[in-house]
N, C-alpha and C. Protein backbone atom coordinates (compact mmCIF):
# COMPACT_ATOMS: atom_id res chain seq x y z
N MET A 1 -6.58 -41.85 45.45
CA MET A 1 -5.75 -41.50 44.30
C MET A 1 -6.32 -40.22 43.68
N THR A 2 -5.45 -39.27 43.42
CA THR A 2 -5.84 -38.00 42.82
C THR A 2 -5.79 -38.10 41.31
N LYS A 3 -6.88 -37.73 40.68
CA LYS A 3 -6.91 -37.73 39.22
C LYS A 3 -6.11 -36.54 38.70
N ILE A 4 -5.27 -36.80 37.73
CA ILE A 4 -4.45 -35.73 37.14
C ILE A 4 -5.30 -34.99 36.11
N CYS A 5 -5.29 -33.70 36.23
CA CYS A 5 -6.01 -32.84 35.31
C CYS A 5 -5.10 -32.47 34.14
N THR A 6 -5.48 -32.87 32.94
CA THR A 6 -4.64 -32.59 31.79
C THR A 6 -4.75 -31.12 31.36
N ARG A 7 -5.75 -30.42 31.81
CA ARG A 7 -5.95 -29.03 31.41
C ARG A 7 -5.55 -28.05 32.51
N CYS A 8 -4.70 -28.45 33.42
CA CYS A 8 -4.29 -27.62 34.54
C CYS A 8 -2.82 -27.27 34.44
N LEU A 9 -2.47 -26.21 35.15
CA LEU A 9 -1.07 -25.85 35.32
C LEU A 9 -0.54 -26.57 36.56
N LEU A 10 0.74 -26.64 36.69
CA LEU A 10 1.32 -27.32 37.84
C LEU A 10 0.90 -26.66 39.15
N ALA A 11 0.69 -25.34 39.14
CA ALA A 11 0.27 -24.64 40.36
C ALA A 11 -1.09 -25.12 40.84
N ASP A 12 -1.87 -25.70 39.95
CA ASP A 12 -3.20 -26.19 40.33
C ASP A 12 -3.16 -27.54 41.04
N PHE A 13 -2.04 -28.21 41.06
CA PHE A 13 -1.92 -29.52 41.69
C PHE A 13 -1.52 -29.44 43.14
N ASP A 14 -0.26 -29.36 43.40
CA ASP A 14 0.30 -29.41 44.76
C ASP A 14 1.21 -28.22 44.95
N ARG A 15 0.82 -27.30 45.83
CA ARG A 15 1.55 -26.05 46.01
C ARG A 15 3.00 -26.27 46.45
N VAL A 16 3.24 -27.25 47.29
CA VAL A 16 4.60 -27.51 47.77
C VAL A 16 5.48 -28.00 46.63
N LYS A 17 4.97 -28.97 45.87
CA LYS A 17 5.75 -29.48 44.73
C LYS A 17 5.95 -28.41 43.67
N TYR A 18 4.91 -27.58 43.51
CA TYR A 18 5.03 -26.48 42.55
C TYR A 18 6.18 -25.55 42.93
N GLU A 19 6.21 -25.15 44.19
CA GLU A 19 7.27 -24.25 44.64
C GLU A 19 8.64 -24.89 44.50
N GLN A 20 8.72 -26.18 44.74
CA GLN A 20 10.01 -26.87 44.63
C GLN A 20 10.48 -26.88 43.17
N LEU A 21 9.59 -27.15 42.28
CA LEU A 21 9.96 -27.28 40.87
C LEU A 21 10.01 -25.96 40.13
N ILE A 22 8.87 -25.30 40.03
CA ILE A 22 8.77 -24.06 39.25
C ILE A 22 9.31 -22.86 40.01
N GLY A 23 8.90 -22.73 41.28
CA GLY A 23 9.34 -21.58 42.07
C GLY A 23 10.86 -21.48 42.16
N LYS A 24 11.52 -22.58 42.42
CA LYS A 24 12.99 -22.58 42.52
C LYS A 24 13.59 -22.22 41.17
N SER A 25 13.05 -22.77 40.12
CA SER A 25 13.60 -22.48 38.78
C SER A 25 13.49 -21.00 38.46
N LEU A 26 12.35 -20.40 38.76
CA LEU A 26 12.16 -18.99 38.48
C LEU A 26 13.00 -18.11 39.41
N ASN A 27 13.18 -18.51 40.65
CA ASN A 27 14.01 -17.74 41.59
C ASN A 27 15.47 -17.74 41.20
N ASP A 28 15.90 -18.78 40.49
CA ASP A 28 17.29 -18.86 40.06
C ASP A 28 17.62 -18.00 38.85
N LEU A 29 16.59 -17.46 38.22
CA LEU A 29 16.80 -16.64 37.01
C LEU A 29 16.99 -15.18 37.39
N PRO A 30 17.77 -14.43 36.60
CA PRO A 30 17.91 -13.00 36.86
C PRO A 30 16.58 -12.29 36.66
N PRO A 31 16.25 -11.35 37.53
CA PRO A 31 14.96 -10.64 37.45
C PRO A 31 14.70 -10.00 36.08
N GLU A 32 15.73 -9.56 35.41
CA GLU A 32 15.53 -8.92 34.11
C GLU A 32 15.09 -9.91 33.03
N ASP A 33 15.20 -11.19 33.28
CA ASP A 33 14.73 -12.19 32.33
C ASP A 33 13.27 -12.56 32.50
N LEU A 34 12.63 -12.01 33.55
CA LEU A 34 11.26 -12.39 33.90
C LEU A 34 10.25 -11.30 33.54
N THR A 35 9.07 -11.72 33.12
CA THR A 35 8.00 -10.79 32.78
C THR A 35 7.35 -10.28 34.07
N ALA A 36 6.56 -9.26 33.93
CA ALA A 36 5.74 -8.78 35.05
C ALA A 36 4.65 -9.81 35.32
N ASP A 37 4.19 -9.85 36.55
CA ASP A 37 3.19 -10.85 36.95
C ASP A 37 1.92 -10.77 36.12
N ASP A 38 1.48 -9.58 35.75
CA ASP A 38 0.25 -9.44 34.96
C ASP A 38 0.42 -10.03 33.55
N ILE A 39 1.57 -9.85 32.96
CA ILE A 39 1.84 -10.43 31.64
C ILE A 39 1.87 -11.96 31.74
N ARG A 40 2.58 -12.46 32.74
CA ARG A 40 2.64 -13.90 32.94
C ARG A 40 1.26 -14.49 33.14
N GLY A 41 0.43 -13.81 33.93
CA GLY A 41 -0.95 -14.26 34.18
C GLY A 41 -1.77 -14.33 32.91
N LYS A 42 -1.65 -13.30 32.06
CA LYS A 42 -2.40 -13.29 30.79
C LYS A 42 -1.94 -14.42 29.89
N ARG A 43 -0.65 -14.65 29.85
CA ARG A 43 -0.12 -15.76 29.03
C ARG A 43 -0.64 -17.10 29.53
N LEU A 44 -0.62 -17.29 30.85
CA LEU A 44 -1.09 -18.55 31.41
C LEU A 44 -2.58 -18.76 31.20
N ASP A 45 -3.34 -17.68 31.23
CA ASP A 45 -4.78 -17.80 30.93
C ASP A 45 -5.00 -18.35 29.52
N ILE A 46 -4.18 -17.90 28.58
CA ILE A 46 -4.26 -18.39 27.21
C ILE A 46 -3.84 -19.87 27.16
N CYS A 47 -2.79 -20.21 27.88
CA CYS A 47 -2.33 -21.61 27.90
C CYS A 47 -3.40 -22.54 28.51
N ARG A 48 -4.09 -22.07 29.53
CA ARG A 48 -5.14 -22.89 30.14
C ARG A 48 -6.24 -23.28 29.16
N GLU A 49 -6.45 -22.45 28.16
CA GLU A 49 -7.48 -22.72 27.17
C GLU A 49 -6.97 -23.50 25.96
N CYS A 50 -5.68 -23.71 25.87
CA CYS A 50 -5.07 -24.37 24.72
C CYS A 50 -5.19 -25.89 24.82
N ASP A 51 -5.50 -26.52 23.71
CA ASP A 51 -5.64 -27.98 23.71
C ASP A 51 -4.29 -28.70 23.77
N LYS A 52 -3.20 -27.96 23.73
CA LYS A 52 -1.85 -28.56 23.82
C LYS A 52 -1.34 -28.56 25.26
N LEU A 53 -2.08 -28.01 26.21
CA LEU A 53 -1.69 -28.04 27.61
C LEU A 53 -1.98 -29.44 28.16
N ASN A 54 -0.98 -30.04 28.79
CA ASN A 54 -1.13 -31.37 29.37
C ASN A 54 -0.32 -31.49 30.64
N GLN A 55 -0.99 -31.43 31.76
CA GLN A 55 -0.35 -31.58 33.08
C GLN A 55 0.79 -30.58 33.28
N GLY A 56 0.56 -29.34 32.87
CA GLY A 56 1.54 -28.28 33.10
C GLY A 56 2.59 -28.16 32.02
N THR A 57 2.55 -29.03 31.02
CA THR A 57 3.51 -28.95 29.94
C THR A 57 2.84 -28.69 28.61
N CYS A 58 3.59 -28.20 27.68
CA CYS A 58 3.08 -27.94 26.35
C CYS A 58 3.39 -29.13 25.45
N LEU A 59 2.37 -29.74 24.86
CA LEU A 59 2.56 -30.89 23.98
C LEU A 59 3.26 -30.49 22.68
N ALA A 60 3.24 -29.20 22.34
CA ALA A 60 3.89 -28.77 21.11
C ALA A 60 5.41 -28.73 21.25
N CYS A 61 5.89 -28.34 22.42
CA CYS A 61 7.35 -28.17 22.56
C CYS A 61 7.91 -28.91 23.78
N GLY A 62 7.07 -29.36 24.70
CA GLY A 62 7.53 -30.10 25.87
C GLY A 62 7.95 -29.26 27.05
N CYS A 63 7.81 -27.95 26.96
CA CYS A 63 8.24 -27.08 28.04
C CYS A 63 7.24 -27.06 29.20
N PHE A 64 7.68 -26.61 30.35
CA PHE A 64 6.77 -26.27 31.44
C PHE A 64 6.21 -24.90 31.09
N VAL A 65 4.93 -24.80 30.86
CA VAL A 65 4.36 -23.54 30.39
C VAL A 65 4.51 -22.42 31.41
N GLU A 66 4.55 -22.74 32.68
CA GLU A 66 4.69 -21.68 33.70
C GLU A 66 6.06 -21.04 33.67
N ILE A 67 7.06 -21.78 33.24
CA ILE A 67 8.38 -21.20 33.11
C ILE A 67 8.46 -20.39 31.82
N ARG A 68 7.98 -20.98 30.73
CA ARG A 68 8.03 -20.26 29.43
C ARG A 68 7.24 -18.95 29.52
N ALA A 69 6.08 -18.99 30.14
CA ALA A 69 5.25 -17.77 30.25
C ALA A 69 5.90 -16.70 31.10
N ALA A 70 6.78 -17.09 32.00
CA ALA A 70 7.43 -16.13 32.90
C ALA A 70 8.63 -15.47 32.27
N LEU A 71 9.13 -16.00 31.17
CA LEU A 71 10.33 -15.46 30.54
C LEU A 71 10.01 -14.35 29.56
N VAL A 72 10.76 -13.27 29.64
CA VAL A 72 10.59 -12.16 28.72
C VAL A 72 10.69 -12.65 27.27
N ARG A 73 11.64 -13.52 27.01
CA ARG A 73 11.86 -14.04 25.66
C ARG A 73 11.01 -15.27 25.36
N GLY A 74 10.15 -15.68 26.29
CA GLY A 74 9.30 -16.83 26.06
C GLY A 74 8.27 -16.55 24.98
N LYS A 75 8.03 -17.55 24.17
CA LYS A 75 7.07 -17.40 23.07
C LYS A 75 6.21 -18.67 22.99
N CYS A 76 4.97 -18.50 22.65
CA CYS A 76 4.07 -19.61 22.40
C CYS A 76 4.43 -20.21 21.03
N PRO A 77 4.56 -21.53 20.92
CA PRO A 77 4.87 -22.11 19.62
C PRO A 77 3.77 -21.90 18.59
N TYR A 78 2.58 -21.56 19.03
CA TYR A 78 1.45 -21.29 18.12
C TYR A 78 1.17 -19.81 17.97
N LYS A 79 2.06 -18.98 18.48
CA LYS A 79 1.94 -17.51 18.36
C LYS A 79 0.65 -16.98 18.95
N LYS A 80 0.16 -17.63 20.03
CA LYS A 80 -1.05 -17.15 20.71
C LYS A 80 -0.70 -16.00 21.65
N TRP A 81 0.55 -15.88 22.04
CA TRP A 81 1.05 -14.76 22.84
C TRP A 81 2.51 -14.56 22.56
């Protein structure tokens, strides 16, 4: 049995499941709605350190943080980015 890491992003768990869930969702969005990879990476680094991260979701708003961080209009509910 694999222990679930509450402080991890979904990409840290199972790459195949990640691609099915997050990858497909991001691929379905228009490119102009997505941030550059470096911006998304910086946002996710901040989320990894946040105590509201729980198994790839934000306890403050319930979103998948990897999707929110990838969106140009995405915002942290705590204004950390």
